[in-house]
């Protein structure tokens, strides 16, 4: 069940389909509301993207999910248990902000220290180093690691207990484009085997990696859905002259739902397969077609529209 900060039941029995559930989750720092009545549900086996600009409340939410910060109000359940409980800790691995390791120790020895403190078998160390591609560098001192290697060692640490849930906070920070692509592929490879909650402010990363996305803005969850649901339906952009007559002809086509003229072009709501027949009808009727292509809103465009055009990402 989802429990309030004083342990009282909020929503009845826990739904086994959800690994994470929050209800009216709120965190205040004095007069500042960092998280505002957040209702979040992460399904078992999915990669869930927690998307928002820096300062939106993402990291604060993750810290509450891990029991590292106490909510001001509301409820949280991780596998039906309270954050920070033994059950939640045993089933969750996390990389929050920058990974912290002993610089003088090797990657392998850093993981050995963590395994000892967490009661995890040292047999897992070689497995997770191989999983993140650090087998050949495991004996090197952490101080000599590149930023990408440090991030990968942080992921290895999160996987050390073989957790069912992995929480990653901005895992591509500091990586070059090749490193970011590798990290995205790695996260996609976790899908189904584990549940992943990925916090990011990078639209491209979330769009390519996640099954579902929750958009957080000023501490509130303002939209949630699959990437396709958030991006909406495709439209066909048409520029043809004369515009008025062309729009009337297009509107009469059987597969066309609507035609809107905006900024010197027509936005045609129709199945993308209708593009060829629309072009054929326009040309056949003598209209001059200078542009015809399908369009779909990017996740970045959706985000900017939802947040009032905020560009600080």
Protein backbone atom coordinates (compact mmCIF):
# COMPACT_ATOMS: atom_id res chain seq x y z
CA UNK A 1 0.00 0.00 0.00
CA UNK A 2 1.03 3.61 -0.40
CA UNK A 3 1.84 4.97 3.02
CA UNK A 4 1.86 8.50 4.26
CA UNK A 5 4.84 9.97 6.06
CA UNK A 6 3.31 8.86 9.36
CA UNK A 7 2.67 5.31 8.02
CA UNK A 8 -1.09 5.62 7.49
CA UNK A 9 -2.65 3.93 4.46
CA UNK A 10 -3.62 6.31 1.66
CA UNK A 11 -4.81 4.25 -1.27
CA UNK A 12 -5.58 0.76 -0.04
CA UNK A 13 -3.87 -2.36 -1.37
CA UNK A 14 -0.68 -2.08 -3.37
CA UNK A 15 -1.07 -2.75 -7.11
CA UNK A 16 1.58 -5.34 -8.04
CA UNK A 17 1.79 -3.91 -11.58
CA UNK A 18 3.42 -0.78 -10.17
CA UNK A 19 6.92 -0.70 -8.70
CA UNK A 20 6.64 2.95 -7.58
CA UNK A 21 3.52 4.78 -6.45
CA UNK A 22 3.22 8.24 -4.94
CA UNK A 23 0.16 10.15 -3.83
CA UNK A 24 0.06 13.93 -3.21
CA UNK A 25 3.81 13.80 -2.62
CA UNK A 26 5.06 17.20 -1.46
CA UNK A 27 8.41 18.55 -0.34
CA UNK A 28 8.97 22.08 0.93
CA UNK A 29 12.19 23.79 1.90
CA UNK A 30 10.95 26.72 3.94
CA UNK A 31 8.76 28.76 1.61
CA UNK A 32 10.05 26.96 -1.48
CA UNK A 33 7.87 24.12 -2.82
CA UNK A 34 10.28 21.74 -4.55
CA UNK A 35 7.71 18.97 -5.19
CA UNK A 36 4.01 19.75 -5.33
CA UNK A 37 1.32 17.04 -4.88
CA UNK A 38 3.11 14.60 -7.16
CA UNK A 39 1.20 11.49 -8.25
CA UNK A 40 3.62 9.11 -9.95
CA UNK A 41 3.20 5.49 -11.02
CA UNK A 42 6.02 3.45 -12.56
CA UNK A 43 5.10 0.07 -14.05
CA UNK A 44 7.07 -3.11 -13.59
CA UNK A 45 9.60 -3.76 -16.38
CA UNK A 46 9.37 -0.37 -18.12
CA UNK A 47 11.88 2.41 -18.64
CA UNK A 48 10.13 5.48 -17.24
CA UNK A 49 11.50 8.89 -18.17
CA UNK A 50 11.23 11.59 -15.52
CA UNK A 51 11.67 14.67 -17.69
CA UNK A 52 12.04 18.27 -16.63
CA UNK A 53 14.42 21.26 -16.61
CA UNK A 54 17.09 21.67 -13.97
CA UNK A 55 15.44 22.71 -10.71
CA UNK A 56 12.08 21.11 -11.57
CA UNK A 57 12.15 18.79 -8.55
CA UNK A 58 13.45 15.60 -10.18
CA UNK A 59 16.38 14.88 -7.86
CA UNK A 60 14.37 15.83 -4.76
CA UNK A 61 11.71 13.31 -5.80
CA UNK A 62 14.30 10.58 -6.35
CA UNK A 63 15.86 11.24 -2.95
CA UNK A 64 12.45 10.82 -1.32
CA UNK A 65 11.87 7.58 -3.23
CA UNK A 66 15.15 6.27 -1.84
CA UNK A 67 14.44 7.35 1.73
CA UNK A 68 17.24 9.94 1.62
CA UNK A 69 14.82 12.82 2.16
CA UNK A 70 11.59 12.95 4.14
CA UNK A 71 8.44 14.23 2.41
CA UNK A 72 6.63 17.21 3.87
CA UNK A 73 3.34 15.52 2.99
CA UNK A 74 1.88 12.75 0.87
CA UNK A 75 2.68 9.08 0.42
CA UNK A 76 5.21 6.83 -1.29
CA UNK A 77 5.50 3.10 -1.89
CA UNK A 78 8.41 1.24 -3.48
CA UNK A 79 7.39 -2.38 -4.14
CA UNK A 80 4.57 -1.72 -1.70
CA UNK A 81 6.96 -0.74 1.10
CA UNK A 82 8.10 2.51 2.64
CA UNK A 83 11.18 4.19 1.11
CA UNK A 84 14.31 3.27 3.02
CA UNK A 85 12.74 0.08 4.38
CA UNK A 86 14.75 -3.14 4.15
CA UNK A 87 12.55 -4.48 1.33
CA UNK A 88 12.86 -1.27 -0.70
CA UNK A 89 16.63 -1.09 -0.18
CA UNK A 90 17.18 -4.73 -1.14
CA UNK A 91 15.29 -4.38 -4.42
CA UNK A 92 16.57 -0.96 -5.52
CA UNK A 93 19.84 0.26 -7.02
CA UNK A 94 20.49 3.93 -7.67
CA UNK A 95 22.87 6.46 -9.16
CA UNK A 96 21.97 9.91 -7.82
CA UNK A 97 23.97 12.91 -9.01
CA UNK A 98 27.72 12.25 -9.41
CA UNK A 99 29.02 8.85 -8.29
CA UNK A 100 31.29 9.03 -5.24
CA UNK A 101 34.16 6.56 -4.93
CA UNK A 102 37.57 6.35 -3.28
CA UNK A 103 39.97 7.91 -5.83
CA UNK A 104 42.99 5.87 -4.70
CA UNK A 105 41.21 2.50 -5.08
CA UNK A 106 40.61 0.63 -8.30
CA UNK A 107 37.14 0.30 -9.73
CA UNK A 108 37.07 -3.34 -8.63
CA UNK A 109 38.15 -2.49 -5.07
CA UNK A 110 35.58 0.31 -4.81
CA UNK A 111 32.89 -2.21 -5.69
CA UNK A 112 34.38 -4.67 -3.20
CA UNK A 113 34.00 -2.08 -0.43
CA UNK A 114 30.38 -1.51 -1.44
CA UNK A 115 29.67 -5.24 -1.63
CA UNK A 116 31.10 -5.74 1.87
CA UNK A 117 28.99 -2.96 3.37
CA UNK A 118 25.81 -4.11 1.62
CA UNK A 119 26.28 -7.81 2.34
CA UNK A 120 26.47 -8.59 -1.39
CA UNK A 121 28.55 -11.44 -2.79
CA UNK A 122 31.85 -10.33 -4.33
CA UNK A 123 31.04 -12.72 -7.17
CA UNK A 124 28.76 -9.97 -8.55
CA UNK A 125 31.66 -7.55 -9.11
CA UNK A 126 33.04 -9.12 -12.28
CA UNK A 127 29.50 -9.57 -13.59
CA UNK A 128 28.54 -5.89 -13.27
CA UNK A 129 31.92 -4.67 -14.57
CA UNK A 130 31.34 -6.75 -17.69
CA UNK A 131 27.76 -5.47 -17.96
CA UNK A 132 28.94 -1.84 -18.08
CA UNK A 133 31.99 -2.52 -20.24
CA UNK A 134 34.71 -1.96 -17.64
CA UNK A 135 36.18 -5.45 -17.37
CA UNK A 136 39.53 -4.34 -18.85
CA UNK A 137 39.73 -1.26 -16.61
CA UNK A 138 38.48 -2.70 -13.33
CA UNK A 139 42.00 -2.85 -11.89
CA UNK A 140 42.75 0.81 -12.69
CA UNK A 141 42.54 3.49 -10.02
CA UNK A 142 39.28 5.44 -10.00
CA UNK A 143 41.23 8.73 -10.05
CA UNK A 144 42.41 7.90 -13.57
CA UNK A 145 38.94 7.20 -14.95
CA UNK A 146 37.37 9.42 -17.57
CA UNK A 147 33.99 10.98 -16.81
CA UNK A 148 32.27 8.32 -18.88
CA UNK A 149 34.06 5.53 -17.02
CA UNK A 150 33.09 7.09 -13.69
CA UNK A 151 29.46 7.14 -14.77
CA UNK A 152 29.65 3.52 -15.88
CA UNK A 153 31.21 2.50 -12.56
CA UNK A 154 28.34 4.30 -10.85
CA UNK A 155 25.89 2.20 -12.89
CA UNK A 156 27.84 -0.92 -11.94
CA UNK A 157 27.47 0.02 -8.28
CA UNK A 158 23.72 0.49 -8.78
CA UNK A 159 23.52 -3.02 -10.27
CA UNK A 160 25.70 -4.69 -7.65
CA UNK A 161 22.75 -6.08 -5.66
CA UNK A 162 21.07 -7.31 -8.86
CA UNK A 163 18.11 -4.99 -8.13
CA UNK A 164 14.65 -5.16 -9.65
CA UNK A 165 14.44 -1.35 -9.76
CA UNK A 166 17.22 0.94 -11.01
CA UNK A 167 16.96 4.70 -10.41
CA UNK A 168 19.29 6.82 -12.54
CA UNK A 169 19.67 10.59 -12.13
CA UNK A 170 21.07 12.26 -15.27
CA UNK A 171 23.26 9.24 -16.17
CA UNK A 172 24.70 10.86 -19.32
CA UNK A 173 26.03 13.96 -17.53
CA UNK A 174 29.52 14.79 -18.74
CA UNK A 175 29.55 12.19 -21.51
CA UNK A 176 30.60 12.85 -25.09
CA UNK A 177 28.14 11.98 -27.88
CA UNK A 178 29.56 8.46 -28.30
CA UNK A 179 29.35 7.86 -24.55
CA UNK A 180 25.76 9.13 -24.47
CA UNK A 181 24.78 6.76 -27.27
CA UNK A 182 26.40 3.84 -25.43
CA UNK A 183 24.57 4.75 -22.21
CA UNK A 184 21.22 4.96 -24.01
CA UNK A 185 21.78 1.54 -25.56
CA UNK A 186 22.73 0.12 -22.18
CA UNK A 187 19.60 1.51 -20.50
CA UNK A 188 17.38 0.17 -23.29
CA UNK A 189 18.99 -3.21 -22.70
CA UNK A 190 17.70 -3.19 -19.11
CA UNK A 191 14.07 -3.01 -20.28
CA UNK A 192 11.98 -5.95 -19.17
CA UNK A 193 14.76 -7.46 -17.04
CA UNK A 194 14.55 -4.55 -14.61
CA UNK A 195 12.39 -1.49 -14.03
CA UNK A 196 14.26 1.76 -14.72
CA UNK A 197 13.34 5.24 -13.53
CA UNK A 198 15.47 7.64 -15.59
CA UNK A 199 15.63 11.29 -14.59
CA UNK A 200 16.83 13.64 -17.31
CA UNK A 201 16.53 17.12 -18.77
CA UNK A 202 17.63 15.88 -22.22
CA UNK A 203 14.68 15.45 -24.58
CA UNK A 204 16.59 13.39 -27.13
CA UNK A 205 17.77 10.96 -24.45
CA UNK A 206 14.27 10.39 -23.10
CA UNK A 207 12.67 10.19 -26.54
CA UNK A 208 15.06 7.42 -27.64
CA UNK A 209 15.16 5.47 -24.39
CA UNK A 210 11.88 5.49 -22.50
CA UNK A 211 8.59 3.61 -22.73
CA UNK A 212 6.62 6.22 -20.80
CA UNK A 213 7.42 9.77 -19.78
CA UNK A 214 6.30 12.01 -16.94
CA UNK A 215 6.96 15.72 -17.46
CA UNK A 216 7.62 17.64 -14.25
CA UNK A 217 7.59 21.44 -14.12
CA UNK A 218 7.99 23.55 -11.00
CA UNK A 219 7.49 20.48 -8.85
CA UNK A 220 4.25 19.31 -10.51
CA UNK A 221 3.61 16.44 -12.91
CA UNK A 222 1.97 18.23 -15.82
CA UNK A 223 1.71 15.41 -18.39
CA UNK A 224 2.33 11.67 -18.55
CA UNK A 225 2.14 9.08 -21.30
CA UNK A 226 4.10 7.14 -23.88
CA UNK A 227 6.41 9.11 -26.16
CA UNK A 228 3.95 8.56 -29.03
CA UNK A 229 1.03 9.76 -26.92
CA UNK A 230 2.87 12.90 -25.90
CA UNK A 231 3.98 13.71 -29.43
CA UNK A 232 0.44 13.31 -30.72
CA UNK A 233 -0.75 12.47 -34.22
CA UNK A 234 1.18 13.19 -37.38
CA UNK A 235 0.07 16.01 -39.66
CA UNK A 236 0.85 16.76 -43.30
CA UNK A 237 2.35 20.14 -44.09
CA UNK A 238 1.30 21.44 -47.51
CA UNK A 239 2.25 24.62 -49.32
CA UNK A 240 0.27 25.04 -52.53
CA UNK A 241 -1.03 28.03 -54.49
CA UNK A 242 -3.58 29.45 -54.59
CA UNK A 243 -3.87 28.49 -50.92
CA UNK A 244 -7.62 28.90 -50.40
CA UNK A 245 -8.66 26.74 -53.33
CA UNK A 246 -6.05 24.11 -52.46
CA UNK A 247 -7.30 23.91 -48.87
CA UNK A 248 -10.87 23.40 -50.06
CA UNK A 249 -9.81 20.58 -52.37
CA UNK A 250 -7.78 18.88 -49.63
CA UNK A 251 -10.62 19.19 -47.10
CA UNK A 252 -12.88 17.24 -49.45
CA UNK A 253 -10.55 14.21 -49.51
CA UNK A 254 -12.03 11.15 -47.70
CA UNK A 255 -8.99 10.50 -45.46
CA UNK A 256 -8.67 14.12 -44.33
CA UNK A 257 -10.06 15.09 -40.92
CA UNK A 258 -9.20 18.79 -40.83
CA UNK A 259 -7.21 21.50 -42.64
CA UNK A 260 -5.75 24.54 -40.90
CA UNK A 261 -3.92 27.41 -42.63
CA UNK A 262 -1.17 28.80 -40.42
CA UNK A 263 2.03 30.75 -41.13
CA UNK A 264 1.76 30.35 -44.89
CA UNK A 265 1.17 26.62 -44.89
CA UNK A 266 -1.65 24.13 -44.46
CA UNK A 267 -1.59 21.68 -41.54
CA UNK A 268 -3.59 18.69 -42.68
CA UNK A 269 -4.82 16.23 -40.06
CA UNK A 270 -4.92 12.92 -41.92
CA UNK A 271 -3.33 9.52 -42.05
CA UNK A 272 0.23 10.00 -43.41
CA UNK A 273 -0.62 7.51 -46.18
CA UNK A 274 -2.91 10.18 -47.65
CA UNK A 275 0.06 12.39 -48.62
CA UNK A 276 0.52 10.82 -52.06
CA UNK A 277 -3.16 11.09 -53.03
CA UNK A 278 -3.31 14.71 -51.78
CA UNK A 279 -0.34 15.60 -53.95
CA UNK A 280 -1.86 13.82 -56.94
CA UNK A 281 -5.20 15.63 -56.53
CA UNK A 282 -3.55 19.05 -56.18
CA UNK A 283 -1.26 18.63 -59.18
CA UNK A 284 -4.07 17.15 -61.25
CA UNK A 285 -6.26 20.17 -60.47
CA UNK A 286 -3.53 22.59 -61.55
CA UNK A 287 -2.34 23.81 -58.14
CA UNK A 288 1.34 24.66 -57.72
CA UNK A 289 2.66 22.44 -54.92
CA UNK A 290 5.95 23.71 -53.50
CA UNK A 291 6.04 21.64 -50.30
CA UNK A 292 4.36 18.49 -48.98
CA UNK A 293 5.71 16.48 -46.05
CA UNK A 294 4.54 14.72 -42.93
CA UNK A 295 5.28 16.33 -39.57
CA UNK A 296 5.09 15.28 -35.95
CA UNK A 297 5.81 17.33 -32.87
CA UNK A 298 9.11 16.53 -31.19
CA UNK A 299 9.16 15.83 -27.48
CA UNK A 300 11.04 19.10 -27.05
CA UNK A 301 8.26 21.01 -28.84
CA UNK A 302 5.64 19.33 -26.64
CA UNK A 303 7.62 20.17 -23.52
CA UNK A 304 8.07 23.83 -24.46
CA UNK A 305 4.35 24.15 -25.19
CA UNK A 306 3.42 22.57 -21.85
CA UNK A 307 5.78 24.74 -19.86
CA UNK A 308 4.92 28.00 -21.55
CA UNK A 309 7.96 28.06 -23.79
CA UNK A 310 10.55 27.67 -21.06
CA UNK A 311 13.91 27.21 -22.75
CA UNK A 312 16.22 26.64 -19.80
CA UNK A 313 16.78 22.94 -20.25
